[in-house]
N, C-alpha and C. Protein backbone atom coordinates (compact mmCIF):
# COMPACT_ATOMS: atom_id res chain seq x y z
N MET A 1 0.74 -0.93 0.06
CA MET A 1 0.11 0.04 -0.03
C MET A 1 1.39 0.95 -0.26
N VAL A 2 0.81 2.21 -0.96
CA VAL A 2 1.17 3.48 -0.89
C VAL A 2 0.53 4.82 0.03
N LEU A 3 1.01 5.10 0.87
CA LEU A 3 -0.14 6.34 1.74
C LEU A 3 0.81 8.01 1.01
N TYR A 4 -0.21 8.86 0.32
CA TYR A 4 0.30 10.05 0.01
C TYR A 4 -0.17 11.50 0.58
N CYS A 5 0.51 12.41 0.56
CA CYS A 5 -0.03 13.28 1.38
C CYS A 5 -1.41 14.34 0.99
N THR A 6 -2.17 13.72 0.07
CA THR A 6 -3.42 14.29 -0.22
C THR A 6 -3.79 13.71 -1.35
N VAL A 7 -5.53 13.73 -1.57
CA VAL A 7 -6.04 12.30 -2.48
C VAL A 7 -5.73 12.89 -3.51
N THR A 8 -5.07 14.26 -3.53
CA THR A 8 -5.15 14.74 -5.45
C THR A 8 -3.53 14.57 -5.85
N CYS A 9 -2.63 13.78 -4.98
CA CYS A 9 -1.54 13.09 -5.42
C CYS A 9 -1.18 12.07 -5.38
N GLY A 10 -2.53 11.46 -4.44
CA GLY A 10 -2.71 9.62 -4.99
C GLY A 10 -3.09 9.59 -6.56
N ASN A 11 -4.41 10.51 -6.82
CA ASN A 11 -4.98 10.74 -8.08
C ASN A 11 -3.79 10.36 -9.50
N ARG A 12 -2.94 12.26 -9.23
CA ARG A 12 -2.31 12.13 -10.09
C ARG A 12 -0.94 10.42 -9.95
N SER A 13 -0.81 10.04 -9.30
CA SER A 13 0.05 8.49 -9.60
C SER A 13 -0.64 8.05 -9.93
N MET A 14 -1.65 7.94 -9.78
CA MET A 14 -2.87 6.72 -9.76
C MET A 14 -2.08 6.26 -11.16
N PRO A 15 -2.12 6.12 -12.28
CA PRO A 15 -1.75 5.62 -13.61
C PRO A 15 0.01 4.88 -13.39
N LEU A 16 0.89 5.32 -12.47
CA LEU A 16 2.27 4.73 -12.38
C LEU A 16 2.04 4.07 -11.28
N HIS A 17 0.92 3.83 -10.18
CA HIS A 17 1.23 3.51 -9.37
C HIS A 17 0.32 1.81 -9.80
N ARG A 18 -0.43 1.98 -10.45
CA ARG A 18 -1.28 0.36 -11.05
C ARG A 18 -0.26 0.12 -11.90
N ASN A 19 0.43 0.32 -12.71
CA ASN A 19 1.46 -0.33 -13.63
C ASN A 19 2.36 -1.28 -12.66
N GLU A 20 3.01 -0.75 -11.67
CA GLU A 20 3.87 -1.19 -10.14
C GLU A 20 2.93 -2.08 -9.74
N CYS A 21 1.93 -1.63 -9.39
CA CYS A 21 1.51 -2.98 -9.01
C CYS A 21 0.84 -4.30 -9.13
N ARG A 22 0.43 -3.82 -10.59
CA ARG A 22 0.38 -5.44 -11.38
C ARG A 22 1.74 -6.19 -11.56
N ILE A 23 2.29 -5.68 -12.18
CA ILE A 23 4.20 -5.73 -12.24
C ILE A 23 4.44 -6.99 -11.15
N LEU A 24 4.21 -6.22 -9.84
CA LEU A 24 4.61 -6.73 -8.42
C LEU A 24 3.45 -7.80 -8.13
N TYR A 25 2.28 -7.92 -8.53
CA TYR A 25 1.15 -9.20 -8.32
C TYR A 25 1.48 -10.12 -9.04
N GLN A 26 1.65 -10.01 -10.33
CA GLN A 26 2.37 -10.85 -11.62
C GLN A 26 3.24 -11.75 -11.21
N GLN A 27 4.40 -10.92 -10.47
CA GLN A 27 5.48 -11.93 -10.31
C GLN A 27 5.33 -12.49 -8.59
N THR A 28 4.34 -12.41 -8.16
CA THR A 28 4.03 -12.83 -6.67
C THR A 28 3.54 -13.79 -6.79
N ILE A 29 2.23 -14.08 -7.69
CA ILE A 29 1.46 -15.30 -8.58
C ILE A 29 2.42 -16.40 -9.18
N SER A 30 3.62 -15.79 -9.87
CA SER A 30 4.22 -16.73 -10.67
C SER A 30 5.46 -17.29 -9.15
N ARG A 31 5.90 -16.72 -8.57
CA ARG A 31 6.69 -17.35 -6.92
C ARG A 31 5.42 -17.75 -7.04
N ILE A 32 4.05 -17.73 -6.38
CA ILE A 32 3.31 -18.90 -5.39
C ILE A 32 3.68 -20.00 -6.06
N GLY A 33 2.85 -19.88 -8.02
CA GLY A 33 3.14 -21.12 -8.44
C GLY A 33 4.35 -22.07 -8.69
N ASP A 34 5.10 -21.63 -8.86
CA ASP A 34 6.53 -21.87 -8.43
C ASP A 34 6.74 -22.95 -6.87
N THR A 35 6.27 -22.04 -6.29
CA THR A 35 7.10 -22.64 -4.95
C THR A 35 5.00 -23.65 -4.79
N PHE A 36 4.31 -23.74 -4.88
CA PHE A 36 3.48 -24.24 -5.19
C PHE A 36 3.42 -26.22 -5.99
N SER A 37 4.10 -25.82 -6.95
CA SER A 37 4.61 -26.65 -7.79
C SER A 37 5.68 -27.67 -7.03
N LYS A 38 6.97 -26.96 -6.62
CA LYS A 38 7.97 -27.80 -5.93
C LYS A 38 7.41 -28.70 -5.12
N ALA A 39 6.51 -27.83 -3.85
CA ALA A 39 5.47 -28.63 -3.19
C ALA A 39 5.11 -29.34 -3.59
N ILE A 40 4.42 -29.63 -4.42
CA ILE A 40 3.49 -30.88 -4.79
C ILE A 40 4.81 -31.62 -4.95
N THR A 41 5.56 -31.79 -6.03
CA THR A 41 6.36 -32.52 -6.45
C THR A 41 6.97 -33.13 -5.01
N THR A 42 7.85 -32.04 -4.18
CA THR A 42 8.03 -32.65 -2.77
C THR A 42 7.42 -33.68 -1.98
N PHE A 43 6.19 -33.26 -1.69
CA PHE A 43 5.42 -33.98 -0.48
C PHE A 43 4.75 -35.44 -1.74
N ARG A 44 4.28 -35.30 -2.99
CA ARG A 44 4.36 -36.26 -3.67
C ARG A 44 5.39 -37.52 -3.39
N GLN A 45 6.28 -36.67 -4.15
CA GLN A 45 7.71 -37.86 -3.31
C GLN A 45 8.21 -38.32 -2.48
N ARG A 46 7.27 -37.97 -1.26
CA ARG A 46 7.44 -38.52 -0.12
C ARG A 46 6.38 -39.72 0.13
N ILE A 47 5.43 -39.14 -0.27
CA ILE A 47 3.64 -40.55 -0.12
C ILE A 47 4.11 -40.88 -1.40
N PHE A 48 4.97 -41.69 -1.94
CA PHE A 48 4.74 -42.39 -2.93
C PHE A 48 3.93 -43.82 -2.55
N GLU A 49 2.97 -43.98 -3.40
CA GLU A 49 2.44 -44.85 -3.41
C GLU A 49 2.33 -46.56 -4.06
N LEU A 50 3.12 -46.24 -5.72
CA LEU A 50 3.62 -47.83 -6.74
C LEU A 50 4.87 -47.79 -6.27
N ASN A 51 4.87 -49.15 -6.44
CA ASN A 51 5.89 -49.56 -6.60
C ASN A 51 6.74 -50.12 -8.43
N ILE A 52 6.92 -49.09 -8.82
CA ILE A 52 7.24 -48.81 -10.07
C ILE A 52 8.70 -50.28 -10.62
N THR A 53 8.00 -50.47 -11.52
CA THR A 53 9.02 -51.85 -11.93
C THR A 53 9.82 -50.99 -13.12
N HIS A 54 8.89 -50.84 -14.09
CA HIS A 54 9.81 -50.43 -15.17
C HIS A 54 8.88 -49.02 -16.20
N THR A 55 9.36 -48.47 -17.12
CA THR A 55 8.48 -47.58 -17.67
C THR A 55 8.55 -47.96 -18.99
N VAL A 56 8.22 -47.23 -19.69
CA VAL A 56 8.53 -47.54 -21.52
C VAL A 56 7.35 -46.26 -22.02
N LYS A 57 8.55 -45.91 -22.69
CA LYS A 57 7.87 -44.34 -22.84
C LYS A 57 8.04 -43.80 -25.30
N SER A 58 7.09 -43.62 -25.53
CA SER A 58 7.70 -42.99 -26.78
C SER A 58 6.51 -41.77 -26.41
N ALA A 59 7.03 -41.34 -28.64
CA ALA A 59 6.99 -40.12 -28.72
C ALA A 59 5.46 -39.84 -27.82
N GLU A 60 4.72 -39.97 -27.76
CA GLU A 60 2.87 -39.90 -27.06
C GLU A 60 2.53 -40.10 -26.13
N ASN A 61 3.29 -41.28 -25.47
CA ASN A 61 2.70 -42.27 -23.90
C ASN A 61 3.81 -42.13 -23.55
N MET A 62 3.55 -42.99 -21.93
CA MET A 62 4.52 -43.35 -20.79
C MET A 62 3.70 -44.43 -20.49
N THR A 63 4.23 -45.48 -20.34
CA THR A 63 3.05 -46.93 -20.00
C THR A 63 4.70 -46.90 -18.34
N VAL A 64 3.54 -46.84 -17.18
CA VAL A 64 4.16 -47.46 -15.83
C VAL A 64 3.57 -48.61 -15.55
N TYR A 65 4.37 -49.66 -15.63
CA TYR A 65 4.41 -50.91 -14.69
C TYR A 65 4.71 -50.83 -13.42
N VAL A 66 4.05 -51.49 -12.32
CA VAL A 66 4.06 -51.51 -11.02
C VAL A 66 3.72 -52.43 -10.38
N ASP A 67 4.38 -52.97 -9.69
CA ASP A 67 4.54 -54.54 -8.88
C ASP A 67 3.79 -54.40 -7.72
N GLN A 68 2.36 -55.00 -7.65
CA GLN A 68 1.55 -54.97 -6.81
C GLN A 68 2.57 -55.94 -6.06
N THR A 69 2.75 -57.47 -6.32
CA THR A 69 2.22 -57.89 -5.24
C THR A 69 3.58 -57.81 -4.54
N ASN A 70 5.26 -56.89 -4.25
CA ASN A 70 5.62 -56.66 -3.92
C ASN A 70 4.90 -56.16 -2.44
N LEU A 71 3.58 -55.70 -2.42
CA LEU A 71 2.66 -54.60 -1.55
C LEU A 71 2.62 -55.74 -0.79
N LEU A 72 1.68 -57.00 -1.36
CA LEU A 72 1.46 -57.22 -0.97
C LEU A 72 2.26 -58.21 0.54
N GLU A 73 3.44 -58.91 -0.09
CA GLU A 73 4.43 -59.49 0.26
C GLU A 73 5.10 -58.70 1.80
N SER A 74 5.21 -57.18 0.75
CA SER A 74 6.08 -56.43 2.10
C SER A 74 5.37 -55.66 3.06
N GLY A 75 4.09 -55.86 2.76
CA GLY A 75 3.06 -55.04 3.86
C GLY A 75 3.83 -53.20 3.83
N THR A 76 4.62 -52.83 3.00
CA THR A 76 4.68 -51.61 2.85
C THR A 76 3.50 -50.64 2.26
N ILE A 77 3.20 -49.33 2.59
CA ILE A 77 2.63 -49.06 1.57
C ILE A 77 2.92 -47.83 0.56
N LEU A 78 4.53 -47.74 1.68
CA LEU A 78 5.00 -46.11 0.65
C LEU A 78 6.64 -46.68 0.22
N PHE A 79 6.77 -46.23 -0.65
CA PHE A 79 7.93 -46.40 -1.46
C PHE A 79 9.06 -45.24 -2.29
N ASP A 80 10.41 -45.48 -2.19
CA ASP A 80 11.04 -44.63 -2.90
C ASP A 80 10.46 -44.26 -3.95
N PHE A 81 10.65 -42.71 -4.45
CA PHE A 81 10.33 -42.70 -6.12
C PHE A 81 10.92 -42.81 -6.32
N PRO A 82 11.24 -43.06 -7.81
CA PRO A 82 12.51 -43.44 -8.58
C PRO A 82 13.06 -42.18 -9.69
N ARG A 83 13.58 -41.58 -8.54
CA ARG A 83 13.89 -40.30 -9.26
C ARG A 83 14.58 -40.43 -11.00
N GLN A 84 16.04 -41.42 -11.26
CA GLN A 84 16.46 -42.08 -12.11
C GLN A 84 16.19 -42.48 -13.44
N ARG A 85 14.77 -42.78 -12.75
CA ARG A 85 13.82 -43.23 -14.66
C ARG A 85 13.00 -41.62 -15.10
N PHE A 86 12.90 -40.88 -14.47
CA PHE A 86 12.53 -39.81 -15.19
C PHE A 86 13.18 -38.48 -15.16
N SER A 87 13.77 -38.19 -16.71
CA SER A 87 14.72 -37.10 -16.91
C SER A 87 13.87 -36.19 -17.47
N ASP A 88 13.06 -36.46 -17.91
CA ASP A 88 12.05 -35.11 -18.13
C ASP A 88 11.19 -34.27 -17.03
N PRO A 89 11.18 -33.70 -16.16
CA PRO A 89 10.46 -33.20 -15.05
C PRO A 89 9.16 -33.00 -15.22
N LYS A 90 8.39 -33.35 -16.49
CA LYS A 90 7.29 -32.98 -16.93
C LYS A 90 6.84 -34.63 -16.69
N ASP A 91 7.64 -35.47 -17.15
CA ASP A 91 7.39 -36.95 -16.56
C ASP A 91 7.01 -37.27 -15.61
N THR A 92 8.27 -36.38 -14.72
CA THR A 92 7.83 -36.56 -13.32
C THR A 92 6.97 -35.80 -12.75
N LEU A 93 6.29 -35.11 -13.22
CA LEU A 93 5.07 -33.91 -12.16
C LEU A 93 3.67 -35.38 -12.61
N GLY A 94 3.73 -35.58 -14.46
CA GLY A 94 2.66 -36.58 -14.85
C GLY A 94 2.18 -37.78 -13.37
N ILE A 95 3.82 -38.32 -13.31
CA ILE A 95 3.66 -39.60 -12.64
C ILE A 95 2.96 -39.71 -11.28
N LEU A 96 3.70 -38.60 -10.88
CA LEU A 96 3.95 -37.98 -9.34
C LEU A 96 2.35 -37.34 -9.31
N CYS A 97 1.37 -37.19 -9.87
CA CYS A 97 0.16 -36.82 -10.03
C CYS A 97 -1.19 -37.56 -10.61
N ALA A 98 -0.56 -38.60 -11.30
CA ALA A 98 -1.28 -39.37 -11.96
C ALA A 98 -2.44 -39.95 -11.05
N ASN A 99 -1.68 -40.64 -9.81
CA ASN A 99 -2.94 -41.73 -8.79
C ASN A 99 -3.11 -40.78 -7.93
N TRP A 100 -3.14 -39.61 -7.79
CA TRP A 100 -3.33 -38.57 -6.59
C TRP A 100 -4.86 -38.75 -5.87
N SER A 101 -4.97 -38.65 -4.62
CA SER A 101 -6.12 -38.86 -4.41
C SER A 101 -6.39 -37.00 -4.15
N GLY A 102 -8.26 -37.62 -4.13
CA GLY A 102 -8.69 -35.88 -3.78
C GLY A 102 -8.48 -35.20 -2.44
N GLU A 103 -8.64 -35.73 -1.73
CA GLU A 103 -7.87 -35.27 -0.13
C GLU A 103 -6.81 -34.20 -0.34
N ALA A 104 -5.73 -34.98 -0.38
CA ALA A 104 -4.95 -34.53 -0.98
C ALA A 104 -4.77 -33.50 -1.96
N LEU A 105 -5.51 -33.23 -2.62
CA LEU A 105 -5.53 -32.34 -4.06
C LEU A 105 -6.36 -31.34 -3.00
N GLY A 106 -7.05 -32.02 -2.09
CA GLY A 106 -7.88 -30.59 -1.38
C GLY A 106 -6.92 -30.02 -0.83
N TYR A 107 -5.92 -30.73 0.44
CA TYR A 107 -5.05 -29.93 1.17
C TYR A 107 -3.98 -29.19 0.45
N PHE A 108 -3.61 -29.50 -0.29
CA PHE A 108 -3.00 -28.18 -1.51
C PHE A 108 -3.84 -27.16 -1.91
N HIS A 109 -5.56 -27.13 -2.49
CA HIS A 109 -5.74 -26.18 -2.65
C HIS A 109 -5.86 -25.60 -1.47
N GLY A 110 -6.00 -25.43 -0.33
CA GLY A 110 -6.07 -25.24 0.84
C GLY A 110 -4.88 -24.11 1.10
N LEU A 111 -3.37 -24.64 0.88
CA LEU A 111 -3.02 -24.23 1.34
C LEU A 111 -2.25 -23.64 0.71
N LEU A 112 -2.63 -23.50 -0.99
CA LEU A 112 -2.53 -22.62 -2.14
C LEU A 112 -3.31 -21.24 -1.53
N ASN A 113 -4.34 -21.41 -1.34
CA ASN A 113 -5.58 -20.03 -1.19
C ASN A 113 -4.79 -19.42 0.21
N ALA A 114 -4.23 -20.27 1.31
CA ALA A 114 -3.82 -19.63 2.49
C ALA A 114 -2.31 -18.67 2.11
N MET A 115 -1.54 -19.15 0.89
CA MET A 115 -0.58 -18.36 0.46
C MET A 115 -0.83 -16.82 -0.22
N LEU A 116 -1.69 -17.63 -1.17
CA LEU A 116 -2.48 -16.05 -1.59
C LEU A 116 -3.03 -15.20 -0.89
N LYS A 117 -3.33 -15.29 0.60
CA LYS A 117 -4.16 -14.44 1.40
C LYS A 117 -3.18 -14.21 1.88
N GLY A 118 -1.84 -14.65 2.07
CA GLY A 118 -0.73 -14.30 2.93
C GLY A 118 -0.91 -15.02 4.89
N ASP A 119 -1.74 -15.86 4.75
CA ASP A 119 -1.81 -16.24 5.88
C ASP A 119 -0.47 -17.06 6.55
């Protein structure tokens, strides 16, 4: 917020202030988006529930093979995310979010709203 000595001074500088404010707002939204994306990626890697055995990538698709028998034998519900399999960040984000539950998405939606409000 900018304080002015009078309403007249404030009105006179409004075109400049409006442009500066718009730029700052866009930068803030961009930083929040970047932070949110990193938070999603890190969170999903920590709670990854698929035991990926291998992947096959074509020009347009990626097929992910999961070993579910290991889950039954080991009793483990979380696995290390195989970072080395995904060199493209878009592939990583796609795999991390493909099997995401609605509850976790709701949690992150609330987090993003709080960040935008400055809470």
